[in-house]
Amino acid sequence: MATSLPPAVRAALWSYDPELLDTELHAERIITNVLNIGTHEALLWLFNTYSRERIAAVVAHPRPGEWNKRSLNYWSLVLDVKPVLRERF
């Protein structure tokens, strides 16, 4: 694993085994979950761990069915990106 996940980030990834998550390999999953349900502490870690451009790329190409509409709208405004929505199936 590239970096150990702090407790605040682990809470946003509650349905995953944090010991199996790699911060590089699973960056899209980590970014998506923290932006959707993460605490302020988790968000601070996220923006210190990943570049703004990498985070914006995840928001610009959201995984279908995994984003809260309000969260996606908020982060698209904050990061100044227009999400390209894909069909789920």
N, C-alpha and C. Protein backbone atom coordinates (compact mmCIF):
# COMPACT_ATOMS: atom_id res chain seq x y z
N MET A 1 0.85 -1.18 0.00
CA MET A 1 0.00 0.00 0.00
C MET A 1 0.89 1.23 0.00
N ALA A 2 0.53 2.23 -0.81
CA ALA A 2 1.36 3.42 -0.94
C ALA A 2 1.37 4.25 0.34
N THR A 3 0.23 4.47 0.94
CA THR A 3 0.12 5.27 2.15
C THR A 3 -1.00 4.72 3.01
N SER A 4 -0.78 4.71 4.32
CA SER A 4 -1.83 4.26 5.23
C SER A 4 -2.93 5.32 5.29
N LEU A 5 -4.16 4.87 5.32
CA LEU A 5 -5.29 5.79 5.35
C LEU A 5 -5.60 6.20 6.79
N PRO A 6 -5.78 7.50 7.04
CA PRO A 6 -6.13 7.95 8.39
C PRO A 6 -7.57 7.55 8.74
N PRO A 7 -7.90 7.52 10.03
CA PRO A 7 -9.24 7.10 10.47
C PRO A 7 -10.38 7.87 9.80
N ALA A 8 -10.24 9.17 9.60
CA ALA A 8 -11.32 9.95 8.98
C ALA A 8 -11.59 9.49 7.55
N VAL A 9 -10.56 9.10 6.85
CA VAL A 9 -10.72 8.61 5.47
C VAL A 9 -11.27 7.20 5.49
N ARG A 10 -10.81 6.39 6.41
CA ARG A 10 -11.32 5.02 6.55
C ARG A 10 -12.84 5.03 6.77
N ALA A 11 -13.33 6.01 7.52
CA ALA A 11 -14.77 6.10 7.79
C ALA A 11 -15.56 6.34 6.50
N ALA A 12 -14.99 7.09 5.57
CA ALA A 12 -15.67 7.34 4.29
C ALA A 12 -15.62 6.12 3.37
N LEU A 13 -14.77 5.18 3.71
CA LEU A 13 -14.62 3.95 2.92
C LEU A 13 -15.05 2.75 3.74
N TRP A 14 -16.11 2.92 4.50
CA TRP A 14 -16.54 1.93 5.48
C TRP A 14 -16.84 0.56 4.88
N SER A 15 -17.22 0.49 3.61
CA SER A 15 -17.58 -0.80 3.02
C SER A 15 -16.39 -1.51 2.37
N TYR A 16 -15.21 -0.95 2.52
CA TYR A 16 -14.00 -1.53 1.95
C TYR A 16 -13.02 -1.88 3.06
N ASP A 17 -12.17 -2.85 2.79
CA ASP A 17 -11.10 -3.19 3.73
C ASP A 17 -9.97 -2.19 3.50
N PRO A 18 -9.73 -1.27 4.44
CA PRO A 18 -8.72 -0.23 4.22
C PRO A 18 -7.31 -0.77 4.06
N GLU A 19 -7.07 -1.96 4.57
CA GLU A 19 -5.74 -2.56 4.44
C GLU A 19 -5.46 -2.99 3.00
N LEU A 20 -6.51 -3.16 2.20
CA LEU A 20 -6.35 -3.59 0.81
C LEU A 20 -6.37 -2.43 -0.18
N LEU A 21 -6.67 -1.23 0.31
CA LEU A 21 -6.74 -0.07 -0.58
C LEU A 21 -5.37 0.58 -0.74
N ASP A 22 -5.03 0.88 -1.96
CA ASP A 22 -3.78 1.55 -2.29
C ASP A 22 -4.14 2.97 -2.75
N THR A 23 -3.46 3.97 -2.22
CA THR A 23 -3.83 5.36 -2.53
C THR A 23 -3.65 5.71 -4.00
N GLU A 24 -2.77 5.03 -4.70
CA GLU A 24 -2.59 5.28 -6.14
C GLU A 24 -3.52 4.42 -6.97
N LEU A 25 -3.52 3.14 -6.70
CA LEU A 25 -4.33 2.20 -7.48
C LEU A 25 -5.83 2.45 -7.33
N HIS A 26 -6.25 2.85 -6.14
CA HIS A 26 -7.68 3.05 -5.85
C HIS A 26 -8.02 4.53 -5.65
N ALA A 27 -7.27 5.40 -6.29
CA ALA A 27 -7.46 6.85 -6.11
C ALA A 27 -8.88 7.30 -6.47
N GLU A 28 -9.42 6.79 -7.56
CA GLU A 28 -10.76 7.21 -7.98
C GLU A 28 -11.80 6.84 -6.93
N ARG A 29 -11.71 5.65 -6.38
CA ARG A 29 -12.64 5.20 -5.33
C ARG A 29 -12.50 6.08 -4.09
N ILE A 30 -11.27 6.31 -3.66
CA ILE A 30 -11.02 7.11 -2.45
C ILE A 30 -11.53 8.53 -2.64
N ILE A 31 -11.19 9.14 -3.75
CA ILE A 31 -11.62 10.52 -4.02
C ILE A 31 -13.15 10.61 -4.07
N THR A 32 -13.78 9.69 -4.77
CA THR A 32 -15.25 9.70 -4.88
C THR A 32 -15.90 9.60 -3.51
N ASN A 33 -15.47 8.65 -2.70
CA ASN A 33 -16.10 8.46 -1.39
C ASN A 33 -15.86 9.64 -0.45
N VAL A 34 -14.65 10.15 -0.43
CA VAL A 34 -14.35 11.26 0.48
C VAL A 34 -15.12 12.51 0.06
N LEU A 35 -15.20 12.80 -1.23
CA LEU A 35 -15.97 13.97 -1.67
C LEU A 35 -17.46 13.81 -1.40
N ASN A 36 -17.96 12.61 -1.44
CA ASN A 36 -19.38 12.36 -1.20
C ASN A 36 -19.73 12.39 0.28
N ILE A 37 -18.96 11.71 1.12
CA ILE A 37 -19.37 11.55 2.52
C ILE A 37 -18.27 11.83 3.54
N GLY A 38 -17.16 12.36 3.09
CA GLY A 38 -16.04 12.59 3.99
C GLY A 38 -16.23 13.79 4.91
N THR A 39 -15.55 13.74 6.03
CA THR A 39 -15.56 14.85 7.00
C THR A 39 -14.56 15.91 6.56
N HIS A 40 -14.55 17.02 7.27
CA HIS A 40 -13.59 18.09 6.99
C HIS A 40 -12.16 17.55 7.09
N GLU A 41 -11.90 16.75 8.10
CA GLU A 41 -10.57 16.16 8.29
C GLU A 41 -10.19 15.27 7.09
N ALA A 42 -11.14 14.48 6.62
CA ALA A 42 -10.88 13.61 5.46
C ALA A 42 -10.63 14.45 4.20
N LEU A 43 -11.35 15.55 4.06
CA LEU A 43 -11.15 16.42 2.90
C LEU A 43 -9.77 17.08 2.93
N LEU A 44 -9.33 17.49 4.11
CA LEU A 44 -7.99 18.07 4.23
C LEU A 44 -6.94 17.06 3.80
N TRP A 45 -7.08 15.82 4.26
CA TRP A 45 -6.15 14.77 3.87
C TRP A 45 -6.19 14.57 2.36
N LEU A 46 -7.40 14.52 1.78
CA LEU A 46 -7.57 14.29 0.35
C LEU A 46 -6.82 15.34 -0.47
N PHE A 47 -7.02 16.61 -0.13
CA PHE A 47 -6.40 17.69 -0.91
C PHE A 47 -4.90 17.81 -0.65
N ASN A 48 -4.42 17.23 0.44
CA ASN A 48 -2.98 17.17 0.69
C ASN A 48 -2.34 15.96 0.03
N THR A 49 -3.14 14.97 -0.31
CA THR A 49 -2.63 13.73 -0.89
C THR A 49 -2.68 13.74 -2.41
N TYR A 50 -3.75 14.27 -2.98
CA TYR A 50 -3.94 14.28 -4.43
C TYR A 50 -3.93 15.72 -4.94
N SER A 51 -3.49 15.88 -6.17
CA SER A 51 -3.49 17.21 -6.77
C SER A 51 -4.92 17.65 -7.06
N ARG A 52 -5.11 18.94 -7.10
CA ARG A 52 -6.43 19.49 -7.44
C ARG A 52 -6.87 18.99 -8.82
N GLU A 53 -5.93 18.88 -9.74
CA GLU A 53 -6.23 18.41 -11.09
C GLU A 53 -6.72 16.96 -11.09
N ARG A 54 -6.10 16.13 -10.28
CA ARG A 54 -6.52 14.72 -10.21
C ARG A 54 -7.92 14.60 -9.61
N ILE A 55 -8.17 15.37 -8.57
CA ILE A 55 -9.50 15.38 -7.94
C ILE A 55 -10.54 15.89 -8.93
N ALA A 56 -10.20 16.97 -9.63
CA ALA A 56 -11.13 17.54 -10.62
C ALA A 56 -11.43 16.55 -11.74
N ALA A 57 -10.45 15.75 -12.13
CA ALA A 57 -10.67 14.74 -13.18
C ALA A 57 -11.67 13.69 -12.74
N VAL A 58 -11.65 13.33 -11.47
CA VAL A 58 -12.62 12.35 -10.94
C VAL A 58 -14.02 12.96 -10.95
N VAL A 59 -14.12 14.23 -10.59
CA VAL A 59 -15.43 14.90 -10.60
C VAL A 59 -15.92 15.09 -12.04
N ALA A 60 -15.02 15.35 -12.95
CA ALA A 60 -15.40 15.56 -14.35
C ALA A 60 -15.91 14.29 -15.02
N HIS A 61 -15.47 13.14 -14.53
CA HIS A 61 -15.89 11.84 -15.09
C HIS A 61 -16.41 10.94 -13.97
N PRO A 62 -17.57 11.30 -13.40
CA PRO A 62 -18.08 10.55 -12.25
C PRO A 62 -18.53 9.14 -12.62
N ARG A 63 -18.31 8.22 -11.70
CA ARG A 63 -18.80 6.86 -11.89
C ARG A 63 -20.32 6.86 -11.78
N PRO A 64 -21.00 6.23 -12.73
CA PRO A 64 -22.47 6.22 -12.71
C PRO A 64 -23.02 5.58 -11.43
N GLY A 65 -23.99 6.25 -10.83
CA GLY A 65 -24.67 5.70 -9.67
C GLY A 65 -23.93 5.79 -8.36
N GLU A 66 -22.77 6.45 -8.34
CA GLU A 66 -21.97 6.49 -7.11
C GLU A 66 -21.88 7.87 -6.48
N TRP A 67 -22.49 8.85 -7.09
CA TRP A 67 -22.41 10.21 -6.57
C TRP A 67 -23.76 10.68 -6.06
N ASN A 68 -23.73 11.37 -4.94
CA ASN A 68 -24.88 12.12 -4.47
C ASN A 68 -24.99 13.33 -5.40
N LYS A 69 -26.17 13.61 -5.91
CA LYS A 69 -26.33 14.69 -6.89
C LYS A 69 -25.87 16.04 -6.33
N ARG A 70 -26.18 16.29 -5.08
CA ARG A 70 -25.77 17.57 -4.48
C ARG A 70 -24.26 17.65 -4.31
N SER A 71 -23.65 16.54 -3.92
CA SER A 71 -22.19 16.52 -3.78
C SER A 71 -21.52 16.76 -5.12
N LEU A 72 -22.00 16.08 -6.15
CA LEU A 72 -21.41 16.24 -7.48
C LEU A 72 -21.58 17.68 -7.96
N ASN A 73 -22.74 18.26 -7.76
CA ASN A 73 -22.97 19.65 -8.16
C ASN A 73 -22.04 20.59 -7.40
N TYR A 74 -21.94 20.40 -6.09
CA TYR A 74 -21.08 21.25 -5.26
C TYR A 74 -19.63 21.19 -5.73
N TRP A 75 -19.10 19.98 -5.85
CA TRP A 75 -17.68 19.84 -6.20
C TRP A 75 -17.41 20.27 -7.63
N SER A 76 -18.38 20.14 -8.52
CA SER A 76 -18.16 20.62 -9.89
C SER A 76 -18.07 22.15 -9.90
N LEU A 77 -18.82 22.81 -9.03
CA LEU A 77 -18.72 24.27 -8.92
C LEU A 77 -17.40 24.68 -8.27
N VAL A 78 -17.03 24.02 -7.19
CA VAL A 78 -15.80 24.35 -6.47
C VAL A 78 -14.57 24.15 -7.36
N LEU A 79 -14.57 23.03 -8.10
CA LEU A 79 -13.41 22.69 -8.92
C LEU A 79 -13.51 23.20 -10.36
N ASP A 80 -14.61 23.89 -10.66
CA ASP A 80 -14.83 24.50 -11.98
C ASP A 80 -14.71 23.48 -13.12
N VAL A 81 -15.45 22.39 -12.99
CA VAL A 81 -15.50 21.36 -14.04
C VAL A 81 -16.95 21.05 -14.37
N LYS A 82 -17.17 20.57 -15.57
CA LYS A 82 -18.51 20.15 -15.99
C LYS A 82 -18.49 18.63 -16.09
N PRO A 83 -19.21 17.95 -15.19
CA PRO A 83 -19.21 16.48 -15.23
C PRO A 83 -19.79 15.93 -16.53
N VAL A 84 -19.14 14.92 -17.05
CA VAL A 84 -19.62 14.19 -18.22
C VAL A 84 -20.32 12.96 -17.69
N LEU A 85 -21.65 13.01 -17.67
CA LEU A 85 -22.43 11.92 -17.09
C LEU A 85 -22.58 10.79 -18.09
N ARG A 86 -22.37 9.58 -17.60
CA ARG A 86 -22.49 8.38 -18.43
C ARG A 86 -23.68 7.57 -17.96
N GLU A 87 -24.22 6.79 -18.86
CA GLU A 87 -25.31 5.88 -18.49
C GLU A 87 -24.74 4.77 -17.62
N ARG A 88 -25.56 4.29 -16.72
CA ARG A 88 -25.11 3.25 -15.80
C ARG A 88 -24.93 1.91 -16.51
N PHE A 89 -25.81 1.58 -17.43
CA PHE A 89 -25.73 0.30 -18.14
C PHE A 89 -25.70 0.53 -19.62
